[in-house]
Amino acid sequence: MSMPTEPVAQDPPSDAPPARKSALFIVFLVVFIDLLGFGIVLPLLPRYAELYLPVVPEAGRGAALGLLYSIFSLMQFVFSPAWGRVSDRIGRRPILLLGLAGSVVFYGLFAAASTLPAEQAWLALGLIFLSRLGAGVAGASVSTAAAVIADCTTKESRAKGMALIGAAFGIGFTFGPLIGYVGLEVFQEQHWAPGVTASLLSLVALVLALRLLPETRTPGSAPAGKEWFSVSRSVEVLKTPTVGALVLVYFLVIFAFANFEGTLSLFTAATFGLADRDNFLIFAYIGAVLMLAQGVIYRRLVGKLSEEALMTAGVGLLVVGLAGVAAVAYLGDADRGLAYPLFFATTALAVTGFAFVNPSVSALVSKRSDPDRQGEVLGVNQSFASLGRILGPFLGLVLFQADPSRTLPYLAAVGLLAVVAVLLPRVRS
């Protein structure tokens, strides 16, 4: 089926059943609880992997750790469009349930791998790798959650709906690291505890979805294609006027922001001497800012300003924020009295800018897409976001090590955002 040149997004009927409207709240809860598990495990990944990395030749340890990080996003890059296409054909509910069930299994596998002794390092690393690969496949269903939002909202309320997912990410990423922080204190020798906690939280989300999540795909919609993986259909999405430009903008923004995310732990250790436990609190701070910016500030502004205007403002805030982080890196230890408050202020600006761009792009992509291909188009958008999350940390870590001033990752991010600024007029048109 060909994507029309000027697709017209159709609103759900005003007399839609209450079950469909309640799906917004259920999706919020499901994404929030699932992200709690993600937020618990992610900061611990390098800590646990280092228990077993000595078995790897020293020259390859950095690559091994990078692979453990990137395999999650790589699987999301591959599977997001696939899950979207299948959800267009069979419905959103089965895909979300399958994704949550996968999270239960693969976080449990992470817990099991974390209990293995150093003598079984190769087996432990293999299982951790498999757990991250599987969690990436399962987590790719987040794009289907965005399709549920598109199913249940009008064009006018689409951006507010998309901001719910961002708020769920923010809240989950605030409390997940905090739970991990407490867990390190309470279960210092029980390496299985974080993985088991994440698995149980995903199980709670699965039970909630089984009991409360209705199907939101409109019965009688035009049937979607039967392909799972189709490069040609993804290219077709990218060639759609304005949609392709939006996907490119989203990719570049994620790429730029991931330069910051991927180097954050190293940055705080090198600049402020923060330990692993302290970084849990930094991640929680970022999640809290994201929650406030996307769940409160953005949702209040979107009724007064267009998505295009908010996206432009977000890019501007990102530029100022990431340039400020570069300034903090340049100051380093020379003036901590200035560097500390500047770091928290500029980080808040960058995260707020990202919080403005994220739902704006998702809402615009949804509104400018064929209603019968919402899952697929949003999946392609999420796929390229995942590609940005692969390339961003890689570039950021390389640049971080290349220059003693540690400013290069953030200056490179500002350069990428300059390209976004050039693209914005095309998106607005």
Protein backbone atom coordinates (compact mmCIF):
# COMPACT_ATOMS: atom_id res chain seq x y z
CA MET A 1 0.00 0.00 0.00
CA SER A 2 1.46 3.35 -0.99
CA MET A 3 1.76 6.25 1.41
CA PRO A 4 -0.28 9.16 0.00
CA THR A 5 1.53 12.36 -0.78
CA GLU A 6 -0.66 14.39 1.58
CA PRO A 7 -2.13 11.97 4.13
CA VAL A 8 -5.01 13.20 6.23
CA ALA A 9 -5.01 11.97 9.82
CA GLN A 10 -8.52 11.07 10.97
CA ASP A 11 -9.70 11.74 14.50
CA PRO A 12 -11.29 9.05 16.60
CA PRO A 13 -15.04 9.47 16.76
CA SER A 14 -16.31 11.81 19.45
CA ASP A 15 -18.55 9.04 20.76
CA ALA A 16 -15.63 6.65 21.26
CA PRO A 17 -16.29 4.24 24.15
CA PRO A 18 -14.92 5.11 27.59
CA ALA A 19 -12.61 2.07 27.39
CA ARG A 20 -10.70 3.73 24.55
CA LYS A 21 -10.29 6.94 26.51
CA SER A 22 -9.08 5.00 29.57
CA ALA A 23 -6.37 3.43 27.39
CA LEU A 24 -4.37 6.68 27.64
CA PHE A 25 -4.08 6.31 31.40
CA ILE A 26 -3.33 2.59 31.21
CA VAL A 27 -0.58 3.14 28.63
CA PHE A 28 0.90 5.81 30.90
CA LEU A 29 0.97 3.37 33.83
CA VAL A 30 2.37 0.53 31.73
CA VAL A 31 5.20 2.65 30.28
CA PHE A 32 5.95 4.17 33.70
CA ILE A 33 6.24 0.84 35.49
CA ASP A 34 8.25 -0.72 32.67
CA LEU A 35 10.62 2.29 32.67
CA LEU A 36 11.13 1.89 36.40
CA GLY A 37 12.77 -1.44 35.63
CA PHE A 38 14.84 0.09 32.83
CA GLY A 39 15.97 2.91 35.13
CA ILE A 40 17.04 0.43 37.82
CA VAL A 41 19.15 -1.75 35.52
CA LEU A 42 20.79 0.75 33.15
CA PRO A 43 23.05 2.58 35.65
CA LEU A 44 24.15 -0.79 37.07
CA LEU A 45 25.10 -2.33 33.74
CA PRO A 46 28.76 -1.21 33.64
CA ARG A 47 29.19 -2.01 37.34
CA TYR A 48 28.04 -5.60 36.88
CA ALA A 49 29.77 -6.09 33.55
CA GLU A 50 33.10 -5.04 35.06
CA LEU A 51 32.89 -8.01 37.43
CA TYR A 52 33.33 -10.25 34.41
CA LEU A 53 35.22 -8.05 31.91
CA PRO A 54 38.71 -9.06 33.17
CA VAL A 55 38.28 -12.27 31.16
CA VAL A 56 38.22 -10.12 28.00
CA PRO A 57 41.60 -8.91 26.64
CA GLU A 58 42.25 -5.39 27.91
CA ALA A 59 42.23 -3.87 24.42
CA GLY A 60 38.71 -5.18 23.83
CA ARG A 61 37.03 -4.30 27.13
CA GLY A 62 35.81 -0.90 26.01
CA ALA A 63 34.30 -2.41 22.87
CA ALA A 64 32.66 -5.18 24.92
CA LEU A 65 31.06 -2.68 27.28
CA GLY A 66 29.99 -0.51 24.34
CA LEU A 67 28.36 -3.55 22.72
CA LEU A 68 26.44 -4.33 25.90
CA TYR A 69 25.12 -0.77 25.87
CA SER A 70 24.36 -0.47 22.16
CA ILE A 71 22.71 -3.85 21.52
CA PHE A 72 19.53 -2.64 23.27
CA SER A 73 19.15 0.36 20.94
CA LEU A 74 20.20 -1.70 17.91
CA MET A 75 17.34 -4.11 18.51
CA GLN A 76 14.95 -1.17 18.89
CA PHE A 77 16.23 0.21 15.57
CA VAL A 78 15.45 -3.10 13.86
CA PHE A 79 12.20 -4.04 15.60
CA SER A 80 10.33 -0.74 16.13
CA PRO A 81 9.01 -0.58 12.53
CA ALA A 82 8.27 -4.33 12.61
CA TRP A 83 6.17 -4.13 15.78
CA GLY A 84 4.42 -1.05 14.37
CA ARG A 85 3.50 -2.87 11.14
CA VAL A 86 2.20 -5.90 13.02
CA SER A 87 0.18 -3.71 15.40
CA ASP A 88 -1.46 -2.05 12.38
CA ARG A 89 -2.53 -5.52 11.25
CA ILE A 90 -3.47 -7.41 14.45
CA GLY A 91 -3.96 -4.58 16.98
CA ARG A 92 -1.96 -2.70 19.60
CA ARG A 93 -2.86 -4.78 22.65
CA PRO A 94 -1.12 -8.06 21.66
CA ILE A 95 2.13 -6.26 20.81
CA LEU A 96 2.22 -4.33 24.09
CA LEU A 97 1.48 -7.52 26.04
CA LEU A 98 4.21 -9.39 24.19
CA GLY A 99 6.70 -6.59 24.88
CA LEU A 100 5.92 -6.55 28.59
CA ALA A 101 6.17 -10.34 28.82
CA GLY A 102 9.58 -10.13 27.14
CA SER A 103 10.70 -7.55 29.71
CA VAL A 104 9.71 -9.90 32.53
CA VAL A 105 11.78 -12.71 31.03
CA PHE A 106 14.88 -10.76 30.04
CA TYR A 107 15.20 -8.69 33.22
CA GLY A 108 14.94 -12.01 35.05
CA LEU A 109 17.74 -13.35 32.85
CA PHE A 110 19.84 -10.30 33.77
CA ALA A 111 19.28 -11.14 37.44
CA ALA A 112 20.35 -14.74 36.90
CA ALA A 113 23.49 -13.69 35.00
CA SER A 114 24.44 -11.29 37.81
CA THR A 115 24.66 -14.15 40.32
CA LEU A 116 27.28 -16.15 38.43
CA PRO A 117 30.80 -16.34 39.93
CA ALA A 118 33.83 -14.81 38.22
CA GLU A 119 34.93 -18.33 37.16
CA GLN A 120 31.95 -18.37 34.80
CA ALA A 121 32.67 -14.94 33.36
CA TRP A 122 32.13 -15.89 29.71
CA LEU A 123 28.74 -17.44 30.48
CA ALA A 124 27.75 -14.40 32.57
CA LEU A 125 28.75 -11.93 29.84
CA GLY A 126 26.90 -14.00 27.25
CA LEU A 127 23.73 -14.03 29.35
CA ILE A 128 23.96 -10.30 30.10
CA PHE A 129 24.36 -9.67 26.36
CA LEU A 130 21.36 -11.90 25.61
CA SER A 131 19.30 -10.16 28.29
CA ARG A 132 20.03 -6.72 26.78
CA LEU A 133 19.32 -7.98 23.26
CA GLY A 134 15.97 -9.44 24.35
CA ALA A 135 15.07 -6.37 26.39
CA GLY A 136 15.73 -4.23 23.30
CA VAL A 137 13.40 -6.37 21.18
CA ALA A 138 10.72 -6.17 23.88
CA GLY A 139 11.26 -2.46 24.48
CA ALA A 140 10.79 -1.68 20.79
CA SER A 141 7.05 -1.98 21.47
CA VAL A 142 7.16 1.54 22.97
CA SER A 143 6.41 2.82 19.46
CA THR A 144 3.17 0.82 19.66
CA ALA A 145 2.31 2.73 22.83
CA ALA A 146 2.64 5.91 20.77
CA ALA A 147 0.25 4.37 18.24
CA VAL A 148 -2.27 3.81 21.06
CA ILE A 149 -2.04 7.53 21.86
CA ALA A 150 -2.63 8.34 18.19
CA ASP A 151 -5.65 6.03 18.13
CA CYS A 152 -7.23 7.67 21.17
CA THR A 153 -6.66 11.40 20.61
CA THR A 154 -7.89 14.06 18.23
CA LYS A 155 -5.46 16.07 16.14
CA GLU A 156 -5.82 18.97 18.55
CA SER A 157 -4.97 16.87 21.61
CA ARG A 158 -2.36 14.64 19.94
CA ALA A 159 0.68 16.48 21.33
CA LYS A 160 -0.71 16.41 24.88
CA GLY A 161 -1.23 12.68 24.50
CA MET A 162 2.30 12.09 23.22
CA ALA A 163 3.62 14.09 26.19
CA LEU A 164 2.10 11.44 28.48
CA ILE A 165 4.67 8.92 27.24
CA GLY A 166 7.47 11.39 27.85
CA ALA A 167 6.15 12.08 31.35
CA ALA A 168 6.01 8.34 32.04
CA PHE A 169 9.62 8.05 30.87
CA GLY A 170 10.59 10.93 33.13
CA ILE A 171 8.85 9.58 36.23
CA GLY A 172 10.15 6.06 35.61
CA PHE A 173 13.65 7.35 35.05
CA THR A 174 13.43 9.42 38.24
CA PHE A 175 12.33 6.67 40.58
CA GLY A 176 14.11 3.78 38.85
CA PRO A 177 17.62 5.08 39.67
CA LEU A 178 16.45 6.03 43.18
CA ILE A 179 15.25 2.47 43.74
CA GLY A 180 18.59 1.26 42.39
CA TYR A 181 20.40 3.62 44.77
CA VAL A 182 18.50 2.27 47.78
CA GLY A 183 18.99 -1.26 46.50
CA LEU A 184 22.76 -0.84 46.49
CA GLU A 185 22.59 0.11 50.16
CA VAL A 186 20.15 -2.61 51.22
CA PHE A 187 21.35 -5.47 48.99
CA GLN A 188 25.05 -4.73 48.65
CA GLU A 189 26.03 -8.37 48.13
CA GLN A 190 22.84 -9.50 46.39
CA HIS A 191 23.58 -8.82 42.75
CA TRP A 192 20.33 -10.48 41.69
CA ALA A 193 18.15 -7.91 43.47
CA PRO A 194 18.00 -5.11 40.81
CA GLY A 195 17.23 -7.52 37.97
CA VAL A 196 14.56 -9.30 40.00
CA THR A 197 13.03 -5.95 41.00
CA ALA A 198 12.92 -4.82 37.38
CA SER A 199 11.37 -8.13 36.31
CA LEU A 200 8.69 -7.95 39.01
CA LEU A 201 7.83 -4.37 38.07
CA SER A 202 7.41 -5.43 34.44
CA LEU A 203 5.20 -8.28 35.65
CA VAL A 204 2.98 -5.76 37.47
CA ALA A 205 2.75 -3.75 34.24
CA LEU A 206 1.85 -6.91 32.32
CA VAL A 207 -0.93 -7.82 34.76
CA LEU A 208 -2.32 -4.27 34.60
CA ALA A 209 -2.29 -4.37 30.80
CA LEU A 210 -3.94 -7.80 30.70
CA ARG A 211 -6.78 -6.63 32.94
CA LEU A 212 -7.26 -3.02 31.89
CA LEU A 213 -5.82 -2.25 28.45
CA PRO A 214 -8.46 -2.28 25.69
CA GLU A 215 -7.75 -2.68 22.00
CA THR A 216 -7.61 0.75 20.35
CA ARG A 217 -7.06 -0.20 16.72
CA THR A 218 -10.32 0.71 14.98
CA PRO A 219 -12.20 -2.38 13.75
CA GLY A 220 -12.65 -2.38 10.00
CA SER A 221 -9.57 -0.27 9.29
CA ALA A 222 -7.80 -0.90 6.02
CA PRO A 223 -5.58 -3.99 6.36
CA ALA A 224 -1.85 -3.35 6.69
CA GLY A 225 0.81 -5.14 4.70
CA LYS A 226 1.97 -8.53 5.95
CA GLU A 227 5.69 -7.76 5.95
CA TRP A 228 7.49 -7.74 9.30
CA PHE A 229 10.76 -6.32 8.04
CA SER A 230 10.58 -4.17 4.92
CA VAL A 231 13.29 -1.71 3.98
CA SER A 232 11.26 -0.50 1.00
CA ARG A 233 8.26 0.41 3.18
CA SER A 234 10.51 2.28 5.62
CA VAL A 235 12.06 4.20 2.72
CA GLU A 236 8.54 4.97 1.52
CA VAL A 237 7.77 6.54 4.90
CA LEU A 238 10.95 8.63 4.73
CA LYS A 239 10.01 9.90 1.27
CA THR A 240 6.65 11.19 2.45
CA PRO A 241 6.68 15.01 2.32
CA THR A 242 7.33 16.61 5.75
CA VAL A 243 7.26 13.23 7.52
CA GLY A 244 10.74 12.32 6.27
CA ALA A 245 12.08 15.71 7.37
CA LEU A 246 10.55 15.24 10.82
CA VAL A 247 12.16 11.82 11.19
CA LEU A 248 15.53 13.32 10.21
CA VAL A 249 15.09 16.15 12.75
CA TYR A 250 14.22 13.61 15.45
CA PHE A 251 17.25 11.47 14.58
CA LEU A 252 19.63 14.44 14.76
CA VAL A 253 18.16 15.71 18.05
CA ILE A 254 18.44 12.25 19.64
CA PHE A 255 21.98 11.91 18.21
CA ALA A 256 22.95 15.25 19.78
CA PHE A 257 21.31 14.56 23.14
CA ALA A 258 22.82 11.06 23.30
CA ASN A 259 26.29 12.64 23.13
CA PHE A 260 25.40 14.14 26.50
CA GLU A 261 23.66 11.07 27.92
CA GLY A 262 26.40 8.66 26.88
CA THR A 263 29.18 10.66 28.54
CA LEU A 264 27.30 11.86 31.63
CA SER A 265 28.72 9.33 34.11
CA LEU A 266 32.27 9.92 32.88
CA PHE A 267 31.71 13.69 32.87
CA THR A 268 30.52 13.85 36.49
CA ALA A 269 33.35 11.56 37.64
CA ALA A 270 36.03 13.57 35.82
CA THR A 271 34.67 17.04 36.65
CA PHE A 272 33.21 16.59 40.13
CA GLY A 273 34.64 13.26 41.30
CA LEU A 274 31.21 11.66 41.71
CA ALA A 275 30.97 7.93 42.48
CA ASP A 276 28.50 5.37 41.10
CA ARG A 277 25.95 6.00 43.87
CA ASP A 278 26.07 9.74 43.26
CA ASN A 279 25.34 9.16 39.58
CA PHE A 280 22.07 7.46 40.51
CA LEU A 281 21.01 10.80 41.97
CA ILE A 282 22.15 12.69 38.86
CA PHE A 283 20.07 10.36 36.66
CA ALA A 284 17.13 10.86 39.03
CA TYR A 285 17.51 14.64 38.75
CA ILE A 286 17.42 14.42 34.95
CA GLY A 287 14.33 12.24 35.12
CA ALA A 288 12.63 14.71 37.47
CA VAL A 289 13.33 17.62 35.11
CA LEU A 290 12.00 15.59 32.18
CA MET A 291 8.88 14.68 34.15
CA LEU A 292 8.19 18.31 35.06
CA ALA A 293 9.02 19.73 31.62
CA GLN A 294 7.05 17.22 29.59
CA GLY A 295 4.29 16.26 32.00
CA VAL A 296 3.45 19.78 33.24
CA ILE A 297 5.07 22.68 31.35
CA TYR A 298 4.74 21.26 27.83
CA ARG A 299 1.16 20.07 28.34
CA ARG A 300 0.15 23.57 29.47
CA LEU A 301 1.89 25.31 26.59
CA VAL A 302 0.75 23.03 23.77
CA GLY A 303 -2.79 24.38 23.87
CA LYS A 304 -1.47 27.92 23.35
CA LEU A 305 1.43 27.31 20.95
CA SER A 306 1.75 25.04 17.92
CA GLU A 307 3.88 21.91 17.92
CA GLU A 308 6.17 23.58 15.36
CA ALA A 309 6.75 26.55 17.68
CA LEU A 310 7.42 24.33 20.69
CA MET A 311 9.79 22.17 18.65
CA THR A 312 11.74 25.27 17.58
CA ALA A 313 11.89 26.51 21.18
CA GLY A 314 13.09 23.08 22.27
CA VAL A 315 15.95 23.10 19.77
CA GLY A 316 16.97 26.54 21.02
CA LEU A 317 16.97 25.39 24.66
CA LEU A 318 19.03 22.34 23.69
CA VAL A 319 21.65 24.52 22.02
CA VAL A 320 21.95 26.81 25.04
CA GLY A 321 21.95 23.90 27.50
CA LEU A 322 24.56 21.76 25.74
CA ALA A 323 26.77 24.78 25.08
CA GLY A 324 26.55 25.45 28.81
CA VAL A 325 27.63 21.88 29.59
CA ALA A 326 30.64 22.45 27.33
CA ALA A 327 31.41 25.57 29.39
CA VAL A 328 31.23 23.51 32.60
CA ALA A 329 33.62 20.97 31.08
CA TYR A 330 36.01 23.78 30.17
CA LEU A 331 35.89 25.19 33.71
CA GLY A 332 36.51 21.77 35.22
CA ASP A 333 38.09 21.86 38.64
CA ALA A 334 39.20 25.47 38.23
CA ASP A 335 36.02 26.93 39.73
CA ARG A 336 33.68 24.37 41.28
CA GLY A 337 31.74 27.11 43.01
CA LEU A 338 30.54 28.20 39.57
CA ALA A 339 30.69 24.83 37.82
CA TYR A 340 28.21 23.03 40.10
CA PRO A 341 25.25 25.43 39.76
CA LEU A 342 26.03 25.99 36.08
CA PHE A 343 25.97 22.23 35.47
CA PHE A 344 22.55 21.75 37.07
CA ALA A 345 21.11 24.84 35.35
CA THR A 346 22.39 24.02 31.85
CA THR A 347 21.44 20.35 32.21
CA ALA A 348 17.90 21.43 33.10
CA LEU A 349 17.77 23.64 30.00
CA ALA A 350 19.00 20.82 27.75
CA VAL A 351 16.55 18.28 29.20
CA THR A 352 13.66 20.76 28.94
CA GLY A 353 14.56 21.42 25.31
CA PHE A 354 14.54 17.70 24.61
CA ALA A 355 11.21 17.38 26.42
CA PHE A 356 9.72 20.00 24.07
CA VAL A 357 11.05 18.39 20.88
CA ASN A 358 10.12 14.79 21.68
CA PRO A 359 6.28 14.94 21.82
CA SER A 360 6.13 17.70 19.20
CA VAL A 361 7.83 15.52 16.59
CA SER A 362 5.79 12.43 17.52
CA ALA A 363 2.53 14.38 17.31
CA LEU A 364 3.43 15.96 13.95
CA VAL A 365 4.54 12.63 12.49
CA SER A 366 1.26 11.06 13.61
CA LYS A 367 -0.93 13.90 12.30
CA ARG A 368 0.79 13.92 8.90
CA SER A 369 0.60 10.14 8.40
CA ASP A 370 -1.92 7.77 6.86
CA PRO A 371 -4.24 6.76 9.76
CA ASP A 372 -4.03 3.11 8.64
CA ARG A 373 -0.24 3.13 9.03
CA GLN A 374 0.14 4.92 12.36
CA GLY A 375 1.98 2.02 13.98
CA GLU A 376 4.38 1.60 11.09
CA VAL A 377 5.17 5.31 10.65
CA LEU A 378 5.67 5.89 14.38
CA GLY A 379 7.79 2.74 14.44
CA VAL A 380 10.07 4.12 11.71
CA ASN A 381 10.35 7.36 13.68
CA GLN A 382 11.27 5.42 16.83
CA SER A 383 13.69 3.29 14.82
CA PHE A 384 15.71 6.30 13.75
CA ALA A 385 15.62 7.61 17.31
CA SER A 386 17.21 4.32 18.35
CA LEU A 387 19.86 4.75 15.67
CA GLY A 388 20.66 8.14 17.21
CA ARG A 389 20.99 6.47 20.62
CA ILE A 390 23.53 4.04 19.12
CA LEU A 391 25.64 6.62 17.29
CA GLY A 392 25.42 9.39 19.90
CA PRO A 393 27.15 7.58 22.80
CA PHE A 394 29.73 6.13 20.41
CA LEU A 395 30.68 9.55 19.04
CA GLY A 396 30.45 11.16 22.48
CA LEU A 397 32.75 8.62 24.14
CA VAL A 398 35.31 8.84 21.34
CA LEU A 399 35.37 12.65 21.52
CA PHE A 400 35.40 12.63 25.33
CA GLN A 401 38.63 10.65 25.34
CA ALA A 402 40.16 12.61 22.46
CA ASP A 403 40.43 16.02 24.14
CA PRO A 404 41.58 16.77 27.73
CA SER A 405 39.13 19.68 27.95
CA ARG A 406 36.21 17.22 27.50
CA THR A 407 34.24 19.84 25.60
CA LEU A 408 34.17 18.12 22.21
CA PRO A 409 31.09 15.87 22.73
CA TYR A 410 28.93 18.85 23.63
CA LEU A 411 30.30 21.13 20.93
CA ALA A 412 29.65 18.35 18.40
CA ALA A 413 26.09 18.12 19.71
CA VAL A 414 25.62 21.86 19.18
CA GLY A 415 26.91 21.41 15.62
CA LEU A 416 24.31 18.69 14.96
CA LEU A 417 21.59 20.98 16.30
CA ALA A 418 22.74 23.69 13.88
CA VAL A 419 21.84 21.26 11.08
CA VAL A 420 18.43 20.79 12.73
CA ALA A 421 17.93 24.57 12.71
CA VAL A 422 18.50 24.57 8.94
CA LEU A 423 15.85 21.83 8.52
CA LEU A 424 13.17 23.48 10.67
CA PRO A 425 11.75 25.77 7.93
CA ARG A 426 11.20 22.70 5.76
CA VAL A 427 9.39 20.95 8.62
CA ARG A 428 7.18 23.97 9.26
CA SER A 429 6.20 24.13 5.62
